[in-house]
């Protein structure tokens, strides 16, 4: 690991959600996600696994009203965590290209 561990912990509380999120960019792909939205949890777990980020998300949202507050506020926290963890952003490669077999198709 470098002199600067690329990690962040973000907490956010609004009228609709309470969120605690931690991110380690140079992780192993481990995650513990609980947003209360099964498919969103799955997508965040896949993002962490294939990006080799360690990610924890604990969110209590107003799911009885609508899912969008939870999705929006977790995304805001995730963006803030990446911004904080990347620090001065030195050494970041901004573009990439990859072709990957996905089921019966090749995604690119």
N, C-alpha and C. Protein backbone atom coordinates (compact mmCIF):
# COMPACT_ATOMS: atom_id res chain seq x y z
N UNK A 1 0.85 -1.17 0.00
CA UNK A 1 0.00 0.00 0.00
C UNK A 1 0.90 1.24 0.00
N UNK A 2 0.39 2.32 -0.51
CA UNK A 2 1.16 3.56 -0.60
C UNK A 2 1.19 4.28 0.73
N UNK A 3 1.90 5.41 0.75
CA UNK A 3 1.93 6.23 1.95
C UNK A 3 0.55 6.76 2.30
N UNK A 4 -0.30 6.91 1.28
CA UNK A 4 -1.66 7.42 1.49
C UNK A 4 -2.64 6.29 1.20
N UNK A 5 -3.24 5.73 2.24
CA UNK A 5 -4.27 4.73 2.03
C UNK A 5 -5.48 5.41 1.43
N UNK A 6 -5.97 4.85 0.35
CA UNK A 6 -7.08 5.47 -0.36
C UNK A 6 -8.40 4.95 0.20
N UNK A 7 -8.76 5.51 1.35
CA UNK A 7 -9.98 5.10 2.05
C UNK A 7 -10.79 6.33 2.44
N UNK A 8 -12.08 6.10 2.67
CA UNK A 8 -12.95 7.18 3.11
C UNK A 8 -14.12 6.59 3.89
N UNK A 9 -14.61 7.36 4.83
CA UNK A 9 -15.83 7.01 5.57
C UNK A 9 -16.75 8.22 5.50
N UNK A 10 -17.96 7.99 5.05
CA UNK A 10 -18.93 9.07 4.85
C UNK A 10 -20.19 8.74 5.64
N UNK A 11 -20.70 9.71 6.35
CA UNK A 11 -22.00 9.59 7.01
C UNK A 11 -22.89 10.72 6.50
N UNK A 12 -24.16 10.39 6.31
CA UNK A 12 -25.11 11.39 5.80
C UNK A 12 -26.45 11.12 6.45
N UNK A 13 -27.06 12.18 6.93
CA UNK A 13 -28.40 12.06 7.51
C UNK A 13 -29.28 13.16 6.92
N UNK A 14 -30.41 12.74 6.35
CA UNK A 14 -31.39 13.68 5.81
C UNK A 14 -32.74 13.34 6.43
N UNK A 15 -33.76 14.05 6.02
CA UNK A 15 -35.11 13.75 6.50
C UNK A 15 -35.56 12.37 6.01
N UNK A 16 -34.98 11.89 4.89
CA UNK A 16 -35.41 10.63 4.31
C UNK A 16 -34.48 9.45 4.57
N UNK A 17 -33.19 9.69 4.81
CA UNK A 17 -32.22 8.59 4.93
C UNK A 17 -31.18 8.86 6.01
N UNK A 18 -30.63 7.77 6.52
CA UNK A 18 -29.44 7.80 7.38
C UNK A 18 -28.48 6.78 6.79
N UNK A 19 -27.26 7.23 6.45
CA UNK A 19 -26.32 6.39 5.72
C UNK A 19 -24.94 6.45 6.37
N UNK A 20 -24.32 5.27 6.51
CA UNK A 20 -22.91 5.14 6.85
C UNK A 20 -22.27 4.32 5.75
N UNK A 21 -21.22 4.86 5.14
CA UNK A 21 -20.56 4.21 4.01
C UNK A 21 -19.06 4.28 4.20
N UNK A 22 -18.37 3.18 3.95
CA UNK A 22 -16.91 3.17 3.95
C UNK A 22 -16.43 2.59 2.62
N UNK A 23 -15.33 3.13 2.12
CA UNK A 23 -14.77 2.71 0.85
C UNK A 23 -13.26 2.60 0.99
N UNK A 24 -12.71 1.49 0.54
CA UNK A 24 -11.26 1.32 0.40
C UNK A 24 -11.01 1.00 -1.06
N UNK A 25 -10.43 1.95 -1.78
CA UNK A 25 -10.24 1.78 -3.21
C UNK A 25 -9.31 0.61 -3.51
N UNK A 26 -8.25 0.47 -2.73
CA UNK A 26 -7.27 -0.60 -2.96
C UNK A 26 -7.63 -1.81 -2.11
N UNK A 27 -8.82 -2.34 -2.32
CA UNK A 27 -9.31 -3.45 -1.52
C UNK A 27 -9.23 -4.77 -2.24
N UNK A 28 -10.08 -5.69 -1.81
CA UNK A 28 -10.12 -7.04 -2.36
C UNK A 28 -11.46 -7.37 -3.02
N UNK A 29 -12.37 -6.41 -3.04
CA UNK A 29 -13.70 -6.66 -3.59
C UNK A 29 -14.70 -7.12 -2.56
N UNK A 30 -14.36 -6.96 -1.28
CA UNK A 30 -15.27 -7.35 -0.20
C UNK A 30 -16.33 -6.28 -0.01
N UNK A 31 -17.53 -6.71 0.34
CA UNK A 31 -18.59 -5.74 0.57
C UNK A 31 -19.60 -6.25 1.58
N UNK A 32 -20.19 -5.31 2.28
CA UNK A 32 -21.34 -5.55 3.15
C UNK A 32 -22.31 -4.42 2.85
N UNK A 33 -23.36 -4.74 2.13
CA UNK A 33 -24.29 -3.73 1.64
C UNK A 33 -25.68 -4.00 2.20
N UNK A 34 -26.29 -3.00 2.80
CA UNK A 34 -27.68 -3.11 3.26
C UNK A 34 -28.39 -1.78 3.04
N UNK A 35 -29.04 -1.68 1.88
CA UNK A 35 -29.83 -0.49 1.58
C UNK A 35 -31.32 -0.75 1.76
N UNK A 36 -31.68 -2.03 1.88
CA UNK A 36 -33.09 -2.39 1.93
C UNK A 36 -33.70 -2.60 0.56
N UNK A 37 -32.90 -2.41 -0.49
CA UNK A 37 -33.34 -2.61 -1.88
C UNK A 37 -32.48 -3.72 -2.47
N UNK A 38 -33.06 -4.90 -2.60
CA UNK A 38 -32.29 -6.08 -3.00
C UNK A 38 -31.47 -5.92 -4.26
N UNK A 39 -32.08 -5.42 -5.33
CA UNK A 39 -31.35 -5.29 -6.59
C UNK A 39 -30.24 -4.25 -6.49
N UNK A 40 -30.49 -3.16 -5.78
CA UNK A 40 -29.47 -2.12 -5.60
C UNK A 40 -28.30 -2.68 -4.80
N UNK A 41 -28.60 -3.46 -3.75
CA UNK A 41 -27.54 -4.12 -2.99
C UNK A 41 -26.69 -4.99 -3.92
N UNK A 42 -27.36 -5.77 -4.76
CA UNK A 42 -26.66 -6.66 -5.69
C UNK A 42 -25.75 -5.86 -6.64
N UNK A 43 -26.25 -4.76 -7.17
CA UNK A 43 -25.45 -3.95 -8.09
C UNK A 43 -24.24 -3.34 -7.39
N UNK A 44 -24.41 -2.86 -6.17
CA UNK A 44 -23.28 -2.29 -5.42
C UNK A 44 -22.28 -3.38 -5.05
N UNK A 45 -22.76 -4.58 -4.69
CA UNK A 45 -21.86 -5.70 -4.40
C UNK A 45 -21.05 -6.07 -5.65
N UNK A 46 -21.71 -6.12 -6.80
CA UNK A 46 -21.01 -6.43 -8.06
C UNK A 46 -19.99 -5.36 -8.41
N UNK A 47 -20.35 -4.11 -8.21
CA UNK A 47 -19.45 -2.98 -8.45
C UNK A 47 -18.19 -3.13 -7.60
N UNK A 48 -18.36 -3.43 -6.33
CA UNK A 48 -17.22 -3.59 -5.43
C UNK A 48 -16.38 -4.81 -5.82
N UNK A 49 -17.05 -5.92 -6.08
CA UNK A 49 -16.34 -7.17 -6.40
C UNK A 49 -15.48 -7.01 -7.65
N UNK A 50 -16.06 -6.52 -8.72
CA UNK A 50 -15.34 -6.45 -9.99
C UNK A 50 -14.40 -5.24 -10.06
N UNK A 51 -14.63 -4.23 -9.24
CA UNK A 51 -13.73 -3.08 -9.17
C UNK A 51 -12.63 -3.27 -8.14
N UNK A 52 -12.70 -4.39 -7.39
CA UNK A 52 -11.75 -4.67 -6.30
C UNK A 52 -11.71 -3.55 -5.28
N UNK A 53 -12.88 -2.98 -4.98
CA UNK A 53 -13.04 -2.01 -3.90
C UNK A 53 -13.61 -2.75 -2.70
N UNK A 54 -13.25 -2.34 -1.51
CA UNK A 54 -13.96 -2.79 -0.31
C UNK A 54 -15.00 -1.72 -0.01
N UNK A 55 -16.24 -2.15 0.16
CA UNK A 55 -17.34 -1.21 0.31
C UNK A 55 -18.31 -1.71 1.36
N UNK A 56 -18.63 -0.84 2.32
CA UNK A 56 -19.72 -1.14 3.25
C UNK A 56 -20.73 0.00 3.16
N UNK A 57 -21.99 -0.38 3.14
CA UNK A 57 -23.08 0.59 3.09
C UNK A 57 -24.16 0.12 4.05
N UNK A 58 -24.51 0.98 4.98
CA UNK A 58 -25.64 0.73 5.87
C UNK A 58 -26.58 1.91 5.71
N UNK A 59 -27.77 1.65 5.20
CA UNK A 59 -28.71 2.74 4.91
C UNK A 59 -30.08 2.40 5.47
N UNK A 60 -30.64 3.36 6.17
CA UNK A 60 -32.02 3.28 6.63
C UNK A 60 -32.77 4.39 5.90
N UNK A 61 -33.62 3.99 4.94
CA UNK A 61 -34.33 4.98 4.13
C UNK A 61 -35.83 4.85 4.23
N UNK A 62 -36.52 5.80 3.67
CA UNK A 62 -37.99 5.83 3.70
C UNK A 62 -38.57 4.99 2.56
N UNK A 63 -38.26 3.70 2.57
CA UNK A 63 -38.64 2.81 1.48
C UNK A 63 -40.14 2.64 1.35
N UNK A 64 -40.89 2.91 2.40
CA UNK A 64 -42.34 2.85 2.32
C UNK A 64 -42.91 3.94 1.44
N UNK A 65 -42.16 5.01 1.26
CA UNK A 65 -42.57 6.12 0.39
C UNK A 65 -42.10 5.84 -1.03
N UNK A 66 -40.79 5.60 -1.18
CA UNK A 66 -40.20 5.43 -2.51
C UNK A 66 -38.74 5.00 -2.33
N UNK A 67 -38.20 4.31 -3.33
CA UNK A 67 -36.79 3.89 -3.29
C UNK A 67 -35.82 5.00 -3.68
N UNK A 68 -36.31 6.02 -4.37
CA UNK A 68 -35.37 6.94 -5.01
C UNK A 68 -34.54 7.76 -4.01
N UNK A 69 -35.06 8.05 -2.83
CA UNK A 69 -34.25 8.79 -1.85
C UNK A 69 -33.04 7.96 -1.43
N UNK A 70 -33.27 6.67 -1.20
CA UNK A 70 -32.18 5.78 -0.80
C UNK A 70 -31.14 5.68 -1.91
N UNK A 71 -31.57 5.43 -3.13
CA UNK A 71 -30.64 5.29 -4.25
C UNK A 71 -29.85 6.58 -4.45
N UNK A 72 -30.55 7.70 -4.45
CA UNK A 72 -29.90 8.99 -4.67
C UNK A 72 -28.89 9.31 -3.57
N UNK A 73 -29.28 9.13 -2.32
CA UNK A 73 -28.41 9.52 -1.21
C UNK A 73 -27.21 8.58 -1.07
N UNK A 74 -27.39 7.28 -1.33
CA UNK A 74 -26.25 6.36 -1.32
C UNK A 74 -25.28 6.75 -2.44
N UNK A 75 -25.80 7.09 -3.62
CA UNK A 75 -24.94 7.50 -4.73
C UNK A 75 -24.16 8.77 -4.40
N UNK A 76 -24.81 9.71 -3.73
CA UNK A 76 -24.11 10.93 -3.30
C UNK A 76 -22.97 10.57 -2.36
N UNK A 77 -23.23 9.70 -1.39
CA UNK A 77 -22.19 9.28 -0.44
C UNK A 77 -21.06 8.55 -1.15
N UNK A 78 -21.40 7.69 -2.11
CA UNK A 78 -20.37 6.96 -2.84
C UNK A 78 -19.48 7.92 -3.64
N UNK A 79 -20.07 8.89 -4.28
CA UNK A 79 -19.29 9.90 -5.01
C UNK A 79 -18.39 10.69 -4.08
N UNK A 80 -18.91 11.09 -2.92
CA UNK A 80 -18.10 11.82 -1.94
C UNK A 80 -16.96 10.94 -1.43
N UNK A 81 -17.23 9.65 -1.24
CA UNK A 81 -16.19 8.74 -0.75
C UNK A 81 -15.07 8.59 -1.78
N UNK A 82 -15.42 8.42 -3.05
CA UNK A 82 -14.38 8.34 -4.08
C UNK A 82 -13.58 9.64 -4.14
N UNK A 83 -14.24 10.77 -4.08
CA UNK A 83 -13.54 12.06 -4.12
C UNK A 83 -12.56 12.18 -2.96
N UNK A 84 -13.01 11.83 -1.77
CA UNK A 84 -12.15 11.91 -0.59
C UNK A 84 -11.01 10.91 -0.65
N UNK A 85 -11.31 9.67 -1.03
CA UNK A 85 -10.30 8.61 -1.03
C UNK A 85 -9.23 8.84 -2.10
N UNK A 86 -9.60 9.44 -3.21
CA UNK A 86 -8.64 9.67 -4.29
C UNK A 86 -7.68 10.82 -4.00
N UNK A 87 -8.01 11.66 -3.03
CA UNK A 87 -7.10 12.74 -2.64
C UNK A 87 -6.74 13.63 -3.81
N UNK A 88 -5.44 13.76 -4.10
CA UNK A 88 -4.99 14.66 -5.17
C UNK A 88 -5.13 14.04 -6.56
N UNK A 89 -5.55 12.80 -6.62
CA UNK A 89 -5.86 12.09 -7.87
C UNK A 89 -4.62 11.82 -8.74
N UNK A 90 -3.44 11.88 -8.18
CA UNK A 90 -2.24 11.56 -8.95
C UNK A 90 -2.24 10.08 -9.32
N UNK A 91 -1.78 9.80 -10.53
CA UNK A 91 -1.65 8.43 -10.99
C UNK A 91 -2.95 7.81 -11.49
N UNK A 92 -4.01 8.60 -11.59
CA UNK A 92 -5.29 8.07 -12.04
C UNK A 92 -5.30 7.98 -13.56
N UNK A 93 -5.66 6.81 -14.07
CA UNK A 93 -5.85 6.64 -15.51
C UNK A 93 -7.32 6.90 -15.79
N UNK A 94 -7.59 7.83 -16.66
CA UNK A 94 -8.97 8.28 -16.84
C UNK A 94 -9.77 7.46 -17.84
N UNK A 95 -9.14 6.74 -18.73
CA UNK A 95 -9.88 6.02 -19.77
C UNK A 95 -9.40 4.58 -19.84
N UNK A 96 -10.29 3.70 -20.25
CA UNK A 96 -9.94 2.30 -20.42
C UNK A 96 -10.85 1.69 -21.48
N UNK A 97 -10.46 0.54 -21.96
CA UNK A 97 -11.26 -0.19 -22.93
C UNK A 97 -11.17 -1.66 -22.58
N UNK A 98 -12.30 -2.34 -22.59
CA UNK A 98 -12.31 -3.75 -22.23
C UNK A 98 -13.44 -4.44 -22.97
N UNK A 99 -13.17 -5.64 -23.47
CA UNK A 99 -14.21 -6.49 -24.05
C UNK A 99 -14.33 -7.71 -23.14
N UNK A 100 -15.55 -8.02 -22.73
CA UNK A 100 -15.76 -9.07 -21.74
C UNK A 100 -16.94 -9.94 -22.17
N UNK A 101 -16.75 -11.28 -22.18
CA UNK A 101 -17.90 -12.14 -22.45
C UNK A 101 -18.88 -12.06 -21.28
N UNK A 102 -20.15 -11.85 -21.61
CA UNK A 102 -21.20 -11.75 -20.60
C UNK A 102 -22.37 -12.58 -21.09
N UNK A 103 -22.57 -13.74 -20.46
CA UNK A 103 -23.56 -14.71 -20.91
C UNK A 103 -23.27 -15.06 -22.37
N UNK A 104 -24.22 -14.84 -23.28
CA UNK A 104 -24.01 -15.22 -24.68
C UNK A 104 -23.59 -14.03 -25.55
N UNK A 105 -23.16 -12.95 -24.93
CA UNK A 105 -22.77 -11.75 -25.68
C UNK A 105 -21.37 -11.31 -25.27
N UNK A 106 -20.78 -10.47 -26.09
CA UNK A 106 -19.51 -9.83 -25.74
C UNK A 106 -19.82 -8.37 -25.48
N UNK A 107 -19.60 -7.95 -24.26
CA UNK A 107 -19.86 -6.56 -23.87
C UNK A 107 -18.59 -5.75 -24.03
N UNK A 108 -18.74 -4.53 -24.54
CA UNK A 108 -17.56 -3.67 -24.64
C UNK A 108 -17.94 -2.24 -24.35
